[in-house]
PDB file of N, CA and C in Angstrom:
ATOM      1  N   MET A   1     -32.367 -36.042 -46.967  1.00  0.00           N
ATOM      2  CA  MET A   1     -33.875 -35.629 -47.179  1.00  0.00           C
ATOM      3  C   MET A   1     -33.357 -34.693 -48.494  1.00  0.00           C
ATOM      4  N   GLU A   2     -34.149 -34.813 -49.252  1.00  0.00           N
ATOM      5  CA  GLU A   2     -34.299 -34.569 -50.722  1.00  0.00           C
ATOM      6  C   GLU A   2     -34.578 -33.096 -50.023  1.00  0.00           C
ATOM      7  N   ALA A   3     -33.741 -31.728 -50.854  1.00  0.00           N
ATOM      8  CA  ALA A   3     -34.107 -30.286 -50.502  1.00  0.00           C
ATOM      9  C   ALA A   3     -35.823 -29.837 -50.558  1.00  0.00           C
ATOM     10  N   TRP A   4     -36.531 -30.275 -51.788  1.00  0.00           N
ATOM     11  CA  TRP A   4     -37.770 -29.944 -52.563  1.00  0.00           C
ATOM     12  C   TRP A   4     -38.493 -30.333 -51.340  1.00  0.00           C
ATOM     13  N   ASP A   5     -38.561 -31.762 -50.863  1.00  0.00           N
ATOM     14  CA  ASP A   5     -39.367 -32.488 -49.909  1.00  0.00           C
ATOM     15  C   ASP A   5     -39.309 -31.806 -48.446  1.00  0.00           C
ATOM     16  N   PHE A   6     -37.895 -31.453 -48.196  1.00  0.00           N
ATOM     17  CA  PHE A   6     -37.947 -30.394 -47.075  1.00  0.00           C
ATOM     18  C   PHE A   6     -38.848 -28.965 -47.098  1.00  0.00           C
ATOM     19  N   CYS A   7     -38.304 -28.516 -48.330  1.00  0.00           N
ATOM     20  CA  CYS A   7     -39.508 -27.231 -48.320  1.00  0.00           C
ATOM     21  C   CYS A   7     -40.880 -27.999 -48.544  1.00  0.00           C
ATOM     22  N   ARG A   8     -41.293 -28.712 -49.074  1.00  0.00           N
ATOM     23  CA  ARG A   8     -42.567 -29.065 -49.138  1.00  0.00           C
ATOM     24  C   ARG A   8     -43.420 -28.952 -47.807  1.00  0.00           C
ATOM     25  N   ARG A   9     -42.435 -29.660 -46.705  1.00  0.00           N
ATOM     26  CA  ARG A   9     -43.056 -30.350 -45.289  1.00  0.00           C
ATOM     27  C   ARG A   9     -42.684 -29.034 -44.474  1.00  0.00           C
ATOM     28  N   TRP A  10     -41.732 -27.832 -44.763  1.00  0.00           N
ATOM     29  CA  TRP A  10     -41.573 -26.843 -43.809  1.00  0.00           C
ATOM     30  C   TRP A  10     -42.541 -25.972 -44.196  1.00  0.00           C
ATOM     31  N   PHE A  11     -43.125 -25.648 -45.763  1.00  0.00           N
ATOM     32  CA  PHE A  11     -44.205 -24.640 -45.717  1.00  0.00           C
ATOM     33  C   PHE A  11     -45.579 -25.462 -45.848  1.00  0.00           C
ATOM     34  N   ASN A  12     -45.691 -27.036 -45.583  1.00  0.00           N
ATOM     35  CA  ASN A  12     -46.821 -27.663 -45.549  1.00  0.00           C
ATOM     36  C   ASN A  12     -47.288 -27.393 -46.796  1.00  0.00           C
ATOM     37  N   ALA A  13     -46.653 -27.085 -48.135  1.00  0.00           N
ATOM     38  CA  ALA A  13     -47.259 -26.722 -49.419  1.00  0.00           C
ATOM     39  C   ALA A  13     -48.083 -27.858 -50.238  1.00  0.00           C
ATOM     40  N   THR A  14     -48.669 -27.488 -50.833  1.00  0.00           N
ATOM     41  CA  THR A  14     -49.841 -28.282 -51.585  1.00  0.00           C
ATOM     42  C   THR A  14     -49.181 -28.626 -52.889  1.00  0.00           C
ATOM     43  N   GLU A  15     -49.778 -29.438 -54.062  1.00  0.00           N
ATOM     44  CA  GLU A  15     -48.829 -29.368 -55.064  1.00  0.00           C
ATOM     45  C   GLU A  15     -49.371 -27.872 -56.058  1.00  0.00           C
ATOM     46  N   GLN A  16     -50.373 -27.649 -56.247  1.00  0.00           N
ATOM     47  CA  GLN A  16     -50.582 -26.384 -56.560  1.00  0.00           C
ATOM     48  C   GLN A  16     -49.855 -25.039 -55.872  1.00  0.00           C
ATOM     49  N   GLU A  17     -49.265 -25.286 -54.559  1.00  0.00           N
ATOM     50  CA  GLU A  17     -48.567 -24.407 -54.242  1.00  0.00           C
ATOM     51  C   GLU A  17     -47.093 -23.890 -54.457  1.00  0.00           C
ATOM     52  N   GLN A  18     -46.762 -25.407 -55.025  1.00  0.00           N
ATOM     53  CA  GLN A  18     -45.318 -25.462 -55.287  1.00  0.00           C
ATOM     54  C   GLN A  18     -45.064 -25.081 -56.408  1.00  0.00           C
ATOM     55  N   GLU A  19     -46.632 -25.261 -57.039  1.00  0.00           N
ATOM     56  CA  GLU A  19     -45.915 -24.711 -58.803  1.00  0.00           C
ATOM     57  C   GLU A  19     -46.507 -23.173 -59.059  1.00  0.00           C
ATOM     58  N   ALA A  20     -46.746 -22.871 -57.583  1.00  0.00           N
ATOM     59  CA  ALA A  20     -47.397 -21.239 -57.857  1.00  0.00           C
ATOM     60  C   ALA A  20     -45.831 -20.189 -57.938  1.00  0.00           C
ATOM     61  N   ARG A  21     -46.292 -19.064 -58.580  1.00  0.00           N
ATOM     62  CA  ARG A  21     -44.835 -18.169 -58.445  1.00  0.00           C
ATOM     63  C   ARG A  21     -44.352 -17.689 -57.123  1.00  0.00           C
ATOM     64  N   GLY A  22     -43.135 -17.784 -57.065  1.00  0.00           N
ATOM     65  CA  GLY A  22     -42.227 -17.400 -55.684  1.00  0.00           C
ATOM     66  C   GLY A  22     -41.904 -18.361 -55.116  1.00  0.00           C
ATOM     67  N   TYR A  23     -42.793 -19.549 -55.292  1.00  0.00           N
ATOM     68  CA  TYR A  23     -42.270 -20.877 -54.424  1.00  0.00           C
ATOM     69  C   TYR A  23     -40.849 -20.894 -54.203  1.00  0.00           C
ATOM     70  N   LYS A  24     -40.217 -21.125 -55.325  1.00  0.00           N
ATOM     71  CA  LYS A  24     -38.931 -21.504 -55.726  1.00  0.00           C
ATOM     72  C   LYS A  24     -37.976 -20.322 -54.889  1.00  0.00           C
ATOM     73  N   ALA A  25     -38.368 -19.411 -54.664  1.00  0.00           N
ATOM     74  CA  ALA A  25     -37.327 -18.122 -54.484  1.00  0.00           C
ATOM     75  C   ALA A  25     -37.594 -18.602 -52.518  1.00  0.00           C
ATOM     76  N   ARG A  26     -38.969 -18.771 -52.303  1.00  0.00           N
ATOM     77  CA  ARG A  26     -39.234 -18.830 -50.813  1.00  0.00           C
ATOM     78  C   ARG A  26     -38.219 -19.967 -50.474  1.00  0.00           C
ATOM     79  N   CYS A  27     -38.084 -21.094 -51.210  1.00  0.00           N
ATOM     80  CA  CYS A  27     -37.225 -22.286 -50.534  1.00  0.00           C
ATOM     81  C   CYS A  27     -36.055 -22.091 -50.939  1.00  0.00           C
ATOM     82  N   ASN A  28     -35.383 -21.253 -51.919  1.00  0.00           N
ATOM     83  CA  ASN A  28     -34.296 -20.638 -52.457  1.00  0.00           C
ATOM     84  C   ASN A  28     -33.586 -19.977 -50.496  1.00  0.00           C
ATOM     85  N   GLU A  29     -34.574 -19.035 -50.303  1.00  0.00           N
ATOM     86  CA  GLU A  29     -34.234 -18.594 -48.741  1.00  0.00           C
ATOM     87  C   GLU A  29     -34.137 -19.216 -47.689  1.00  0.00           C
ATOM     88  N   LEU A  30     -35.033 -20.393 -47.520  1.00  0.00           N
ATOM     89  CA  LEU A  30     -35.159 -21.223 -46.450  1.00  0.00           C
ATOM     90  C   LEU A  30     -33.730 -21.916 -46.681  1.00  0.00           C
ATOM     91  N   LEU A  31     -33.276 -22.815 -47.866  1.00  0.00           N
ATOM     92  CA  LEU A  31     -32.424 -23.350 -47.527  1.00  0.00           C
ATOM     93  C   LEU A  31     -30.948 -22.299 -47.633  1.00  0.00           C
ATOM     94  N   VAL A  32     -31.016 -21.148 -47.522  1.00  0.00           N
ATOM     95  CA  VAL A  32     -29.492 -20.072 -47.242  1.00  0.00           C
ATOM     96  C   VAL A  32     -29.677 -20.308 -45.626  1.00  0.00           C
ATOM     97  N   LYS A  33     -30.737 -19.932 -45.087  1.00  0.00           N
ATOM     98  CA  LYS A  33     -30.972 -19.926 -43.507  1.00  0.00           C
ATOM     99  C   LYS A  33     -30.376 -21.173 -43.001  1.00  0.00           C
ATOM    100  N   VAL A  34     -31.143 -22.211 -43.699  1.00  0.00           N
ATOM    101  CA  VAL A  34     -31.298 -23.568 -42.828  1.00  0.00           C
ATOM    102  C   VAL A  34     -29.778 -23.983 -43.194  1.00  0.00           C
ATOM    103  N   LEU A  35     -29.186 -24.082 -44.202  1.00  0.00           N
ATOM    104  CA  LEU A  35     -27.584 -24.763 -44.552  1.00  0.00           C
ATOM    105  C   LEU A  35     -26.735 -23.489 -44.219  1.00  0.00           C
ATOM    106  N   GLY A  36     -26.628 -22.279 -44.319  1.00  0.00           N
ATOM    107  CA  GLY A  36     -26.072 -21.628 -44.113  1.00  0.00           C
ATOM    108  C   GLY A  36     -24.739 -21.219 -45.395  1.00  0.00           C
ATOM    109  N   VAL A  37     -25.390 -21.353 -46.402  1.00  0.00           N
ATOM    110  CA  VAL A  37     -25.047 -21.493 -47.916  1.00  0.00           C
ATOM    111  C   VAL A  37     -25.196 -20.072 -48.406  1.00  0.00           C
ATOM    112  N   ASN A  38     -24.855 -19.893 -49.601  1.00  0.00           N
ATOM    113  CA  ASN A  38     -24.607 -18.634 -50.297  1.00  0.00           C
ATOM    114  C   ASN A  38     -25.845 -18.842 -51.295  1.00  0.00           C
ATOM    115  N   ILE A  39     -26.651 -18.094 -51.678  1.00  0.00           N
ATOM    116  CA  ILE A  39     -27.677 -17.738 -52.494  1.00  0.00           C
ATOM    117  C   ILE A  39     -27.548 -18.403 -53.761  1.00  0.00           C
ATOM    118  N   ASP A  40     -26.041 -17.709 -54.661  1.00  0.00           N
ATOM    119  CA  ASP A  40     -25.683 -18.520 -55.561  1.00  0.00           C
ATOM    120  C   ASP A  40     -25.285 -20.049 -55.879  1.00  0.00           C
ATOM    121  N   ALA A  41     -25.041 -20.491 -54.565  1.00  0.00           N
ATOM    122  CA  ALA A  41     -24.760 -21.847 -54.701  1.00  0.00           C
ATOM    123  C   ALA A  41     -26.178 -22.721 -55.295  1.00  0.00           C
ATOM    124  N   VAL A  42     -26.988 -22.454 -53.773  1.00  0.00           N
ATOM    125  CA  VAL A  42     -28.442 -22.662 -54.120  1.00  0.00           C
ATOM    126  C   VAL A  42     -29.148 -22.661 -55.408  1.00  0.00           C
ATOM    127  N   LYS A  43     -28.912 -21.521 -56.187  1.00  0.00           N
ATOM    128  CA  LYS A  43     -29.763 -21.646 -57.386  1.00  0.00           C
ATOM    129  C   LYS A  43     -28.672 -22.315 -58.622  1.00  0.00           C
ATOM    130  N   ARG A  44     -27.285 -23.119 -58.076  1.00  0.00           N
ATOM    131  CA  ARG A  44     -26.813 -24.021 -58.927  1.00  0.00           C
ATOM    132  C   ARG A  44     -27.569 -25.185 -58.691  1.00  0.00           C
ATOM    133  N   TRP A  45     -28.182 -25.466 -57.785  1.00  0.00           N
ATOM    134  CA  TRP A  45     -28.677 -26.956 -57.620  1.00  0.00           C
ATOM    135  C   TRP A  45     -29.747 -27.237 -58.489  1.00  0.00           C
ATOM    136  N   GLY A  46     -30.212 -26.619 -59.223  1.00  0.00           N
ATOM    137  CA  GLY A  46     -31.231 -26.877 -60.115  1.00  0.00           C
ATOM    138  C   GLY A  46     -32.698 -26.725 -60.150  1.00  0.00           C
ATOM    139  N   SER A  47     -33.733 -27.020 -60.744  1.00  0.00           N
ATOM    140  CA  SER A  47     -34.869 -26.229 -60.792  1.00  0.00           C
ATOM    141  C   SER A  47     -35.676 -27.120 -59.431  1.00  0.00           C
ATOM    142  N   ARG A  48     -35.555 -27.995 -59.112  1.00  0.00           N
ATOM    143  CA  ARG A  48     -35.759 -29.272 -58.083  1.00  0.00           C
ATOM    144  C   ARG A  48     -34.662 -29.062 -56.837  1.00  0.00           C
ATOM    145  N   PHE A  49     -33.435 -28.389 -56.994  1.00  0.00           N
ATOM    146  CA  PHE A  49     -32.395 -28.814 -56.205  1.00  0.00           C
ATOM    147  C   PHE A  49     -31.897 -30.576 -56.279  1.00  0.00           C
ATOM    148  N   GLU A  50     -31.820 -30.836 -57.508  1.00  0.00           N
ATOM    149  CA  GLU A  50     -31.598 -32.249 -57.840  1.00  0.00           C
ATOM    150  C   GLU A  50     -30.257 -32.006 -57.852  1.00  0.00           C
ATOM    151  N   LYS A  51     -29.132 -31.288 -57.782  1.00  0.00           N
ATOM    152  CA  LYS A  51     -28.158 -30.980 -57.597  1.00  0.00           C
ATOM    153  C   LYS A  51     -27.443 -30.455 -56.600  1.00  0.00           C
ATOM    154  N   MET A  52     -27.835 -30.854 -55.755  1.00  0.00           N
ATOM    155  CA  MET A  52     -27.524 -30.229 -53.907  1.00  0.00           C
ATOM    156  C   MET A  52     -26.572 -31.204 -53.422  1.00  0.00           C
ATOM    157  N   PRO A  53     -25.206 -31.155 -53.119  1.00  0.00           N
ATOM    158  CA  PRO A  53     -24.407 -31.716 -52.829  1.00  0.00           C
ATOM    159  C   PRO A  53     -25.416 -32.778 -51.429  1.00  0.00           C
ATOM    160  N   GLU A  54     -24.849 -33.927 -51.502  1.00  0.00           N
ATOM    161  CA  GLU A  54     -25.363 -35.320 -50.581  1.00  0.00           C
ATOM    162  C   GLU A  54     -25.166 -34.888 -49.249  1.00  0.00           C
ATOM    163  N   TYR A  55     -24.080 -34.206 -48.896  1.00  0.00           N
ATOM    164  CA  TYR A  55     -24.064 -33.803 -47.285  1.00  0.00           C
ATOM    165  C   TYR A  55     -24.973 -32.925 -46.589  1.00  0.00           C
ATOM    166  N   HIS A  56     -25.552 -32.011 -47.577  1.00  0.00           N
ATOM    167  CA  HIS A  56     -26.428 -31.302 -46.823  1.00  0.00           C
ATOM    168  C   HIS A  56     -28.289 -31.693 -46.765  1.00  0.00           C
ATOM    169  N   LYS A  57     -27.979 -32.993 -47.384  1.00  0.00           N
ATOM    170  CA  LYS A  57     -29.525 -33.796 -47.470  1.00  0.00           C
ATOM    171  C   LYS A  57     -29.473 -34.461 -45.834  1.00  0.00           C
ATOM    172  N   ARG A  58     -28.322 -34.549 -45.508  1.00  0.00           N
ATOM    173  CA  ARG A  58     -28.105 -34.923 -43.676  1.00  0.00           C
ATOM    174  C   ARG A  58     -28.860 -33.848 -42.849  1.00  0.00           C
ATOM    175  N   THR A  59     -28.304 -32.887 -43.144  1.00  0.00           N
ATOM    176  CA  THR A  59     -28.694 -31.676 -42.379  1.00  0.00           C
ATOM    177  C   THR A  59     -30.128 -31.030 -42.343  1.00  0.00           C
ATOM    178  N   LEU A  60     -30.352 -31.263 -43.624  1.00  0.00           N
ATOM    179  CA  LEU A  60     -32.156 -30.878 -43.782  1.00  0.00           C
ATOM    180  C   LEU A  60     -33.152 -32.362 -43.091  1.00  0.00           C
ATOM    181  N   SER A  61     -32.315 -33.630 -43.101  1.00  0.00           N
ATOM    182  CA  SER A  61     -32.983 -34.246 -42.161  1.00  0.00           C
ATOM    183  C   SER A  61     -32.785 -34.059 -40.740  1.00  0.00           C
ATOM    184  N   TYR A  62     -31.943 -33.389 -40.535  1.00  0.00           N
ATOM    185  CA  TYR A  62     -31.716 -33.250 -38.822  1.00  0.00           C
ATOM    186  C   TYR A  62     -32.834 -31.735 -38.544  1.00  0.00           C
ATOM    187  N   ALA A  63     -32.728 -30.968 -39.694  1.00  0.00           N
ATOM    188  CA  ALA A  63     -33.478 -30.041 -39.422  1.00  0.00           C
ATOM    189  C   ALA A  63     -34.942 -30.200 -39.355  1.00  0.00           C
ATOM    190  N   ASP A  64     -35.419 -31.351 -40.298  1.00  0.00           N
ATOM    191  CA  ASP A  64     -36.834 -31.315 -40.265  1.00  0.00           C
ATOM    192  C   ASP A  64     -37.259 -32.451 -38.967  1.00  0.00           C
ATOM    193  N   THR A  65     -36.236 -32.969 -38.657  1.00  0.00           N
ATOM    194  CA  THR A  65     -36.529 -33.606 -37.091  1.00  0.00           C
ATOM    195  C   THR A  65     -36.615 -32.684 -36.138  1.00  0.00           C
ATOM    196  N   LEU A  66     -36.288 -31.795 -36.180  1.00  0.00           N
ATOM    197  CA  LEU A  66     -36.102 -30.912 -34.963  1.00  0.00           C
ATOM    198  C   LEU A  66     -37.448 -29.836 -35.151  1.00  0.00           C
ATOM    199  N   ARG A  67     -37.903 -29.530 -36.701  1.00  0.00           N
ATOM    200  CA  ARG A  67     -39.107 -28.843 -36.890  1.00  0.00           C
ATOM    201  C   ARG A  67     -40.423 -29.809 -36.339  1.00  0.00           C
ATOM    202  N   GLU A  68     -40.148 -31.317 -36.360  1.00  0.00           N
ATOM    203  CA  GLU A  68     -41.547 -32.032 -36.108  1.00  0.00           C
ATOM    204  C   GLU A  68     -41.356 -32.187 -34.326  1.00  0.00           C
ATOM    205  N   VAL A  69     -39.980 -32.152 -33.682  1.00  0.00           N
ATOM    206  CA  VAL A  69     -40.150 -32.132 -32.060  1.00  0.00           C
ATOM    207  C   VAL A  69     -40.565 -30.785 -31.695  1.00  0.00           C
ATOM    208  N   ILE A  70     -40.301 -29.354 -32.071  1.00  0.00           N
ATOM    209  CA  ILE A  70     -40.740 -28.411 -31.870  1.00  0.00           C
ATOM    210  C   ILE A  70     -42.343 -28.445 -32.179  1.00  0.00           C
ATOM    211  N   GLU A  71     -42.801 -28.727 -32.981  1.00  0.00           N
ATOM    212  CA  GLU A  71     -44.295 -28.922 -33.414  1.00  0.00           C
ATOM    213  C   GLU A  71     -45.121 -29.553 -32.358  1.00  0.00           C
ATOM    214  N   ALA A  72     -44.355 -30.965 -32.288  1.00  0.00           N
ATOM    215  CA  ALA A  72     -44.954 -31.592 -30.968  1.00  0.00           C
ATOM    216  C   ALA A  72     -45.006 -30.952 -29.886  1.00  0.00           C
ATOM    217  N   THR A  73     -44.062 -30.620 -29.169  1.00  0.00           N
ATOM    218  CA  THR A  73     -43.916 -29.972 -27.859  1.00  0.00           C
ATOM    219  C   THR A  73     -44.908 -28.703 -27.851  1.00  0.00           C
ATOM    220  N   GLY A  74     -45.174 -28.036 -28.947  1.00  0.00           N
ATOM    221  CA  GLY A  74     -46.117 -27.195 -28.652  1.00  0.00           C
ATOM    222  C   GLY A  74     -47.268 -27.324 -28.684  1.00  0.00           C
ATOM    223  N   LYS A  75     -47.993 -29.089 -29.007  1.00  0.00           N
ATOM    224  CA  LYS A  75     -49.276 -29.230 -28.751  1.00  0.00           C
ATOM    225  C   LYS A  75     -49.118 -30.028 -27.472  1.00  0.00           C
ATOM    226  N   ASN A  76     -48.229 -30.271 -27.008  1.00  0.00           N
ATOM    227  CA  ASN A  76     -48.081 -31.054 -25.647  1.00  0.00           C
ATOM    228  C   ASN A  76     -47.572 -30.265 -24.295  1.00  0.00           C
ATOM    229  N   GLU A  77     -47.876 -29.359 -23.612  1.00  0.00           N
ATOM    230  CA  GLU A  77     -47.145 -28.869 -23.154  1.00  0.00           C
ATOM    231  C   GLU A  77     -46.431 -29.817 -21.630  1.00  0.00           C
ATOM    232  N   ASP A  78     -47.087 -30.539 -21.460  1.00  0.00           N
ATOM    233  CA  ASP A  78     -46.471 -31.125 -20.455  1.00  0.00           C
ATOM    234  C   ASP A  78     -44.943 -32.175 -20.884  1.00  0.00           C
ATOM    235  N   PHE A  79     -45.039 -32.722 -21.931  1.00  0.00           N
ATOM    236  CA  PHE A  79     -43.590 -32.862 -22.685  1.00  0.00           C
ATOM    237  C   PHE A  79     -42.911 -31.815 -22.541  1.00  0.00           C
ATOM    238  N   LEU A  80     -42.968 -30.598 -23.044  1.00  0.00           N
ATOM    239  CA  LEU A  80     -41.942 -29.891 -23.099  1.00  0.00           C
ATOM    240  C   LEU A  80     -41.541 -29.394 -21.913  1.00  0.00           C
ATOM    241  N   VAL A  81     -42.335 -29.627 -20.984  1.00  0.00           N
ATOM    242  CA  VAL A  81     -42.047 -28.823 -19.354  1.00  0.00           C
ATOM    243  C   VAL A  81     -40.884 -30.076 -18.672  1.00  0.00           C
ATOM    244  N   ASP A  82     -41.412 -31.019 -19.534  1.00  0.00           N
ATOM    245  CA  ASP A  82     -40.067 -32.645 -19.194  1.00  0.00           C
ATOM    246  C   ASP A  82     -39.297 -32.358 -19.837  1.00  0.00           C
ATOM    247  N   VAL A  83     -38.952 -32.002 -20.794  1.00  0.00           N
ATOM    248  CA  VAL A  83     -37.811 -32.401 -21.517  1.00  0.00           C
ATOM    249  C   VAL A  83     -37.028 -30.978 -21.021  1.00  0.00           C
ATOM    250  N   LEU A  84     -37.567 -29.816 -20.621  1.00  0.00           N
ATOM    251  CA  LEU A  84     -36.953 -28.421 -20.513  1.00  0.00           C
ATOM    252  C   LEU A  84     -36.433 -28.602 -18.559  1.00  0.00           C
ATOM    253  N   GLU A  85     -37.373 -29.557 -17.947  1.00  0.00           N
ATOM    254  CA  GLU A  85     -36.815 -29.834 -16.797  1.00  0.00           C
ATOM    255  C   GLU A  85     -35.513 -30.902 -16.980  1.00  0.00           C
ATOM    256  N   ARG A  86     -35.348 -32.164 -17.765  1.00  0.00           N
ATOM    257  CA  ARG A  86     -34.644 -32.879 -17.747  1.00  0.00           C
ATOM    258  C   ARG A  86     -33.224 -31.827 -18.109  1.00  0.00           C
ATOM    259  N   LEU A  87     -33.120 -31.045 -19.355  1.00  0.00           N
ATOM    260  CA  LEU A  87     -31.961 -30.544 -19.790  1.00  0.00           C
ATOM    261  C   LEU A  87     -31.841 -29.463 -18.635  1.00  0.00           C
ATOM    262  N   LYS A  88     -32.159 -28.985 -17.929  1.00  0.00           N
ATOM    263  CA  LYS A  88     -31.994 -27.987 -16.503  1.00  0.00           C
ATOM    264  C   LYS A  88     -30.683 -28.864 -15.353  1.00  0.00           C
ATOM    265  N   ASN A  89     -31.452 -30.595 -15.352  1.00  0.00           N
ATOM    266  CA  ASN A  89     -30.956 -31.586 -14.955  1.00  0.00           C
ATOM    267  C   ASN A  89     -29.285 -31.535 -15.320  1.00  0.00           C
ATOM    268  N   LYS A  90     -29.278 -31.635 -16.272  1.00  0.00           N
ATOM    269  CA  LYS A  90     -28.244 -32.325 -17.037  1.00  0.00           C
ATOM    270  C   LYS A  90     -26.490 -31.154 -16.728  1.00  0.00           C
ATOM    271  N   SER A  91     -27.762 -29.892 -16.241  1.00  0.00           N
ATOM    272  CA  SER A  91     -26.593 -28.686 -16.310  1.00  0.00           C
ATOM    273  C   SER A  91     -25.804 -28.586 -14.990  1.00  0.00           C
TER     274      SER A  91
END
């Protein structure tokens, strides 16, 4: 997953919000936290992170999938209870 798309989805940002002052800085901070990389590395990836190494794209894809699962479980308490019960039974 491309970093710019990851940020857009994470922040649920509109086109206008993506062009707003401070949005790129928020994305930089998010990528530092999610990927565990240095802010200087993120800043070297370009204006829309087009130079980000390929291996980080896979990590962002996994993180986005987890975000979606967490959002889905928050909307469906029965599902969350079922998942927690299955995790308990596996230990």
